[in-house]
Amino acid sequence: MWTISARAFVDFWDSLPGWQWAARFARIRGVMPILEILYRGFLPIFPFIAKVVGRFRTARENVRNKHK
């Protein structure tokens, strides 16, 4: 079963070289509930952020292609 939550990010950080510190921090008592609230608040705005980043990336690639 897939878990999509702040806890999933903590598990992911724990598996990445150089990110274990973030996982250890998140496991301090009281930190995980705060991360979960922040994650739930971020979910509704994520599609907007992804759209903006995608447009920025496309515009940057267009500028690069013009200068080739």
PDB file of N, CA and C in Angstrom:
ATOM      1  N   MET A   1       0.827  -1.184   0.000  1.00  0.00           N
ATOM      2  CA  MET A   1       0.000   0.000   0.000  1.00  0.00           C
ATOM      3  C   MET A   1       0.871   1.248   0.000  1.00  0.00           C
ATOM      4  N   TRP A   2       0.507   2.241  -0.801  1.00  0.00           N
ATOM      5  CA  TRP A   2       1.246   3.493  -0.903  1.00  0.00           C
ATOM      6  C   TRP A   2       0.814   4.447   0.196  1.00  0.00           C
ATOM      7  N   THR A   3       1.788   5.104   0.791  1.00  0.00           N
ATOM      8  CA  THR A   3       1.511   6.129   1.784  1.00  0.00           C
ATOM      9  C   THR A   3       1.995   7.455   1.226  1.00  0.00           C
ATOM     10  N   ILE A   4       1.072   8.394   1.093  1.00  0.00           N
ATOM     11  CA  ILE A   4       1.451   9.720   0.619  1.00  0.00           C
ATOM     12  C   ILE A   4       1.173  10.690   1.751  1.00  0.00           C
ATOM     13  N   SER A   5       2.244  11.129   2.384  1.00  0.00           N
ATOM     14  CA  SER A   5       2.135  12.026   3.517  1.00  0.00           C
ATOM     15  C   SER A   5       3.527  12.548   3.832  1.00  0.00           C
ATOM     16  N   ALA A   6       3.593  13.375   4.851  1.00  0.00           N
ATOM     17  CA  ALA A   6       4.903  13.851   5.293  1.00  0.00           C
ATOM     18  C   ALA A   6       5.764  12.673   5.724  1.00  0.00           C
ATOM     19  N   ARG A   7       5.144  11.663   6.313  1.00  0.00           N
ATOM     20  CA  ARG A   7       5.901  10.483   6.753  1.00  0.00           C
ATOM     21  C   ARG A   7       6.590   9.794   5.568  1.00  0.00           C
ATOM     22  N   ALA A   8       5.940   9.792   4.420  1.00  0.00           N
ATOM     23  CA  ALA A   8       6.553   9.194   3.225  1.00  0.00           C
ATOM     24  C   ALA A   8       7.803   9.973   2.823  1.00  0.00           C
ATOM     25  N   PHE A   9       7.746  11.305   2.932  1.00  0.00           N
ATOM     26  CA  PHE A   9       8.935  12.096   2.634  1.00  0.00           C
ATOM     27  C   PHE A   9      10.056  11.799   3.617  1.00  0.00           C
ATOM     28  N   VAL A  10       9.714  11.642   4.869  1.00  0.00           N
ATOM     29  CA  VAL A  10      10.730  11.331   5.879  1.00  0.00           C
ATOM     30  C   VAL A  10      11.389   9.996   5.550  1.00  0.00           C
ATOM     31  N   ASP A  11      10.606   9.005   5.182  1.00  0.00           N
ATOM     32  CA  ASP A  11      11.170   7.709   4.793  1.00  0.00           C
ATOM     33  C   ASP A  11      12.057   7.854   3.556  1.00  0.00           C
ATOM     34  N   PHE A  12      11.629   8.688   2.607  1.00  0.00           N
ATOM     35  CA  PHE A  12      12.422   8.931   1.400  1.00  0.00           C
ATOM     36  C   PHE A  12      13.737   9.621   1.754  1.00  0.00           C
ATOM     37  N   TRP A  13      13.663  10.659   2.602  1.00  0.00           N
ATOM     38  CA  TRP A  13      14.881  11.344   3.015  1.00  0.00           C
ATOM     39  C   TRP A  13      15.847  10.384   3.680  1.00  0.00           C
ATOM     40  N   ASP A  14      15.324   9.455   4.455  1.00  0.00           N
ATOM     41  CA  ASP A  14      16.172   8.498   5.153  1.00  0.00           C
ATOM     42  C   ASP A  14      16.934   7.607   4.183  1.00  0.00           C
ATOM     43  N   SER A  15      16.409   7.450   2.968  1.00  0.00           N
ATOM     44  CA  SER A  15      17.065   6.585   1.983  1.00  0.00           C
ATOM     45  C   SER A  15      18.040   7.338   1.081  1.00  0.00           C
ATOM     46  N   LEU A  16      18.040   8.666   1.149  1.00  0.00           N
ATOM     47  CA  LEU A  16      18.907   9.457   0.286  1.00  0.00           C
ATOM     48  C   LEU A  16      20.223   9.804   0.978  1.00  0.00           C
ATOM     49  N   PRO A  17      21.333   9.612   0.279  1.00  0.00           N
ATOM     50  CA  PRO A  17      22.611  10.013   0.864  1.00  0.00           C
ATOM     51  C   PRO A  17      22.611  11.515   1.152  1.00  0.00           C
ATOM     52  N   GLY A  18      23.012  11.883   2.338  1.00  0.00           N
ATOM     53  CA  GLY A  18      23.098  13.285   2.713  1.00  0.00           C
ATOM     54  C   GLY A  18      21.808  13.887   3.253  1.00  0.00           C
ATOM     55  N   TRP A  19      20.723  13.116   3.269  1.00  0.00           N
ATOM     56  CA  TRP A  19      19.442  13.634   3.757  1.00  0.00           C
ATOM     57  C   TRP A  19      18.981  12.953   5.041  1.00  0.00           C
ATOM     58  N   GLN A  20      19.800  12.077   5.597  1.00  0.00           N
ATOM     59  CA  GLN A  20      19.410  11.401   6.824  1.00  0.00           C
ATOM     60  C   GLN A  20      19.216  12.390   7.969  1.00  0.00           C
ATOM     61  N   TRP A  21      19.940  13.499   7.930  1.00  0.00           N
ATOM     62  CA  TRP A  21      19.783  14.515   8.976  1.00  0.00           C
ATOM     63  C   TRP A  21      18.350  15.036   9.006  1.00  0.00           C
ATOM     64  N   ALA A  22      17.743  15.231   7.816  1.00  0.00           N
ATOM     65  CA  ALA A  22      16.369  15.732   7.750  1.00  0.00           C
ATOM     66  C   ALA A  22      15.398  14.703   8.325  1.00  0.00           C
ATOM     67  N   ALA A  23      15.658  13.434   8.030  1.00  0.00           N
ATOM     68  CA  ALA A  23      14.810  12.367   8.570  1.00  0.00           C
ATOM     69  C   ALA A  23      14.931  12.300  10.086  1.00  0.00           C
ATOM     70  N   ARG A  24      16.152  12.435  10.583  1.00  0.00           N
ATOM     71  CA  ARG A  24      16.342  12.410  12.044  1.00  0.00           C
ATOM     72  C   ARG A  24      15.625  13.594  12.693  1.00  0.00           C
ATOM     73  N   PHE A  25      15.738  14.776  12.089  1.00  0.00           N
ATOM     74  CA  PHE A  25      15.061  15.952  12.619  1.00  0.00           C
ATOM     75  C   PHE A  25      13.544  15.747  12.650  1.00  0.00           C
ATOM     76  N   ALA A  26      13.013  15.195  11.558  1.00  0.00           N
ATOM     77  CA  ALA A  26      11.562  14.994  11.458  1.00  0.00           C
ATOM     78  C   ALA A  26      11.050  14.007  12.495  1.00  0.00           C
ATOM     79  N   ARG A  27      11.911  13.124  12.958  1.00  0.00           N
ATOM     80  CA  ARG A  27      11.487  12.116  13.929  1.00  0.00           C
ATOM     81  C   ARG A  27      11.570  12.593  15.378  1.00  0.00           C
ATOM     82  N   ILE A  28      12.010  13.845  15.561  1.00  0.00           N
ATOM     83  CA  ILE A  28      11.992  14.414  16.916  1.00  0.00           C
ATOM     84  C   ILE A  28      10.533  14.572  17.331  1.00  0.00           C
ATOM     85  N   ARG A  29      10.260  14.226  18.566  1.00  0.00           N
ATOM     86  CA  ARG A  29       8.880  14.299  19.068  1.00  0.00           C
ATOM     87  C   ARG A  29       8.292  15.688  18.816  1.00  0.00           C
ATOM     88  N   GLY A  30       7.121  15.713  18.193  1.00  0.00           N
ATOM     89  CA  GLY A  30       6.415  16.956  17.932  1.00  0.00           C
ATOM     90  C   GLY A  30       6.650  17.547  16.555  1.00  0.00           C
ATOM     91  N   VAL A  31       7.701  17.120  15.870  1.00  0.00           N
ATOM     92  CA  VAL A  31       8.006  17.680  14.550  1.00  0.00           C
ATOM     93  C   VAL A  31       7.099  17.085  13.474  1.00  0.00           C
ATOM     94  N   MET A  32       6.851  15.778  13.524  1.00  0.00           N
ATOM     95  CA  MET A  32       6.055  15.121  12.489  1.00  0.00           C
ATOM     96  C   MET A  32       4.643  15.704  12.360  1.00  0.00           C
ATOM     97  N   PRO A  33       3.933  15.980  13.449  1.00  0.00           N
ATOM     98  CA  PRO A  33       2.604  16.590  13.281  1.00  0.00           C
ATOM     99  C   PRO A  33       2.662  17.950  12.576  1.00  0.00           C
ATOM    100  N   ILE A  34       3.708  18.722  12.858  1.00  0.00           N
ATOM    101  CA  ILE A  34       3.864  20.017  12.186  1.00  0.00           C
ATOM    102  C   ILE A  34       4.140  19.814  10.702  1.00  0.00           C
ATOM    103  N   LEU A  35       5.018  18.871  10.375  1.00  0.00           N
ATOM    104  CA  LEU A  35       5.302  18.579   8.970  1.00  0.00           C
ATOM    105  C   LEU A  35       4.053  18.095   8.240  1.00  0.00           C
ATOM    106  N   GLU A  36       3.253  17.309   8.922  1.00  0.00           N
ATOM    107  CA  GLU A  36       2.018  16.804   8.311  1.00  0.00           C
ATOM    108  C   GLU A  36       1.054  17.945   7.997  1.00  0.00           C
ATOM    109  N   ILE A  37       0.929  18.901   8.907  1.00  0.00           N
ATOM    110  CA  ILE A  37       0.068  20.071   8.669  1.00  0.00           C
ATOM    111  C   ILE A  37       0.601  20.885   7.495  1.00  0.00           C
ATOM    112  N   LEU A  38       1.909  21.110   7.468  1.00  0.00           N
ATOM    113  CA  LEU A  38       2.507  21.860   6.359  1.00  0.00           C
ATOM    114  C   LEU A  38       2.314  21.131   5.033  1.00  0.00           C
ATOM    115  N   TYR A  39       2.488  19.811   5.040  1.00  0.00           N
ATOM    116  CA  TYR A  39       2.308  19.021   3.828  1.00  0.00           C
ATOM    117  C   TYR A  39       0.864  19.120   3.329  1.00  0.00           C
ATOM    118  N   ARG A  40      -0.092  18.978   4.230  1.00  0.00           N
ATOM    119  CA  ARG A  40      -1.517  19.056   3.846  1.00  0.00           C
ATOM    120  C   ARG A  40      -1.864  20.451   3.314  1.00  0.00           C
ATOM    121  N   GLY A  41      -1.223  21.472   3.850  1.00  0.00           N
ATOM    122  CA  GLY A  41      -1.447  22.829   3.353  1.00  0.00           C
ATOM    123  C   GLY A  41      -0.825  23.063   1.996  1.00  0.00           C
ATOM    124  N   PHE A  42       0.273  22.358   1.716  1.00  0.00           N
ATOM    125  CA  PHE A  42       0.978  22.505   0.451  1.00  0.00           C
ATOM    126  C   PHE A  42       0.253  21.802  -0.700  1.00  0.00           C
ATOM    127  N   LEU A  43      -0.444  20.716  -0.395  1.00  0.00           N
ATOM    128  CA  LEU A  43      -1.093  19.930  -1.451  1.00  0.00           C
ATOM    129  C   LEU A  43      -2.005  20.739  -2.367  1.00  0.00           C
ATOM    130  N   PRO A  44      -2.876  21.616  -1.858  1.00  0.00           N
ATOM    131  CA  PRO A  44      -3.770  22.354  -2.753  1.00  0.00           C
ATOM    132  C   PRO A  44      -3.052  23.319  -3.702  1.00  0.00           C
ATOM    133  N   ILE A  45      -1.877  23.832  -3.300  1.00  0.00           N
ATOM    134  CA  ILE A  45      -1.189  24.796  -4.168  1.00  0.00           C
ATOM    135  C   ILE A  45      -0.146  24.146  -5.069  1.00  0.00           C
ATOM    136  N   PHE A  46       0.128  22.872  -4.876  1.00  0.00           N
ATOM    137  CA  PHE A  46       1.144  22.197  -5.682  1.00  0.00           C
ATOM    138  C   PHE A  46       0.868  22.241  -7.185  1.00  0.00           C
ATOM    139  N   PRO A  47      -0.361  21.991  -7.657  1.00  0.00           N
ATOM    140  CA  PRO A  47      -0.589  22.060  -9.111  1.00  0.00           C
ATOM    141  C   PRO A  47      -0.255  23.429  -9.699  1.00  0.00           C
ATOM    142  N   PHE A  48      -0.573  24.500  -8.987  1.00  0.00           N
ATOM    143  CA  PHE A  48      -0.245  25.847  -9.447  1.00  0.00           C
ATOM    144  C   PHE A  48       1.268  26.029  -9.533  1.00  0.00           C
ATOM    145  N   ILE A  49       1.986  25.600  -8.512  1.00  0.00           N
ATOM    146  CA  ILE A  49       3.445  25.725  -8.509  1.00  0.00           C
ATOM    147  C   ILE A  49       4.051  24.924  -9.654  1.00  0.00           C
ATOM    148  N   ALA A  50       3.565  23.708  -9.877  1.00  0.00           N
ATOM    149  CA  ALA A  50       4.071  22.874 -10.961  1.00  0.00           C
ATOM    150  C   ALA A  50       3.828  23.538 -12.311  1.00  0.00           C
ATOM    151  N   LYS A  51       2.684  24.164 -12.483  1.00  0.00           N
ATOM    152  CA  LYS A  51       2.358  24.844 -13.736  1.00  0.00           C
ATOM    153  C   LYS A  51       3.303  26.024 -13.976  1.00  0.00           C
ATOM    154  N   VAL A  52       3.532  26.818 -12.950  1.00  0.00           N
ATOM    155  CA  VAL A  52       4.424  27.976 -13.066  1.00  0.00           C
ATOM    156  C   VAL A  52       5.851  27.523 -13.382  1.00  0.00           C
ATOM    157  N   VAL A  53       6.321  26.519 -12.682  1.00  0.00           N
ATOM    158  CA  VAL A  53       7.676  26.013 -12.920  1.00  0.00           C
ATOM    159  C   VAL A  53       7.787  25.461 -14.336  1.00  0.00           C
ATOM    160  N   GLY A  54       6.765  24.754 -14.789  1.00  0.00           N
ATOM    161  CA  GLY A  54       6.776  24.219 -16.150  1.00  0.00           C
ATOM    162  C   GLY A  54       6.845  25.312 -17.194  1.00  0.00           C
ATOM    163  N   ARG A  55       6.096  26.384 -16.999  1.00  0.00           N
ATOM    164  CA  ARG A  55       6.140  27.513 -17.942  1.00  0.00           C
ATOM    165  C   ARG A  55       7.497  28.181 -17.926  1.00  0.00           C
ATOM    166  N   PHE A  56       8.071  28.351 -16.745  1.00  0.00           N
ATOM    167  CA  PHE A  56       9.396  28.957 -16.635  1.00  0.00           C
ATOM    168  C   PHE A  56      10.436  28.102 -17.357  1.00  0.00           C
ATOM    169  N   ARG A  57      10.358  26.798 -17.159  1.00  0.00           N
ATOM    170  CA  ARG A  57      11.313  25.885 -17.788  1.00  0.00           C
ATOM    171  C   ARG A  57      11.172  25.930 -19.311  1.00  0.00           C
ATOM    172  N   THR A  58       9.937  25.962 -19.817  1.00  0.00           N
ATOM    173  CA  THR A  58       9.704  26.026 -21.254  1.00  0.00           C
ATOM    174  C   THR A  58      10.248  27.324 -21.824  1.00  0.00           C
ATOM    175  N   ALA A  59       9.999  28.432 -21.144  1.00  0.00           N
ATOM    176  CA  ALA A  59      10.491  29.729 -21.607  1.00  0.00           C
ATOM    177  C   ALA A  59      12.017  29.748 -21.638  1.00  0.00           C
ATOM    178  N   ARG A  60      12.639  29.190 -20.625  1.00  0.00           N
ATOM    179  CA  ARG A  60      14.101  29.148 -20.576  1.00  0.00           C
ATOM    180  C   ARG A  60      14.664  28.307 -21.711  1.00  0.00           C
ATOM    181  N   GLU A  61      14.028  27.169 -21.993  1.00  0.00           N
ATOM    182  CA  GLU A  61      14.479  26.315 -23.097  1.00  0.00           C
ATOM    183  C   GLU A  61      14.299  27.022 -24.436  1.00  0.00           C
ATOM    184  N   ASN A  62      13.227  27.774 -24.589  1.00  0.00           N
ATOM    185  CA  ASN A  62      13.011  28.525 -25.834  1.00  0.00           C
ATOM    186  C   ASN A  62      14.100  29.559 -26.037  1.00  0.00           C
ATOM    187  N   VAL A  63      14.510  30.251 -24.973  1.00  0.00           N
ATOM    188  CA  VAL A  63      15.589  31.237 -25.074  1.00  0.00           C
ATOM    189  C   VAL A  63      16.881  30.545 -25.442  1.00  0.00           C
ATOM    190  N   ARG A  64      17.172  29.423 -24.835  1.00  0.00           N
ATOM    191  CA  ARG A  64      18.404  28.688 -25.162  1.00  0.00           C
ATOM    192  C   ARG A  64      18.405  28.260 -26.625  1.00  0.00           C
ATOM    193  N   ASN A  65      17.280  27.763 -27.104  1.00  0.00           N
ATOM    194  CA  ASN A  65      17.200  27.291 -28.483  1.00  0.00           C
ATOM    195  C   ASN A  65      17.352  28.427 -29.482  1.00  0.00           C
ATOM    196  N   LYS A  66      16.930  29.642 -29.137  1.00  0.00           N
ATOM    197  CA  LYS A  66      17.084  30.789 -30.022  1.00  0.00           C
ATOM    198  C   LYS A  66      18.555  31.161 -30.187  1.00  0.00           C
ATOM    199  N   HIS A  67      19.348  30.930 -29.167  1.00  0.00           N
ATOM    200  CA  HIS A  67      20.762  31.349 -29.189  1.00  0.00           C
ATOM    201  C   HIS A  67      21.692  30.267 -29.718  1.00  0.00           C
ATOM    202  N   LYS A  68      21.158  29.191 -30.189  1.00  0.00           N
ATOM    203  CA  LYS A  68      22.016  28.119 -30.741  1.00  0.00           C
ATOM    204  C   LYS A  68      22.406  28.420 -32.161  1.00  0.00           C
TER     205      LYS A  68
END
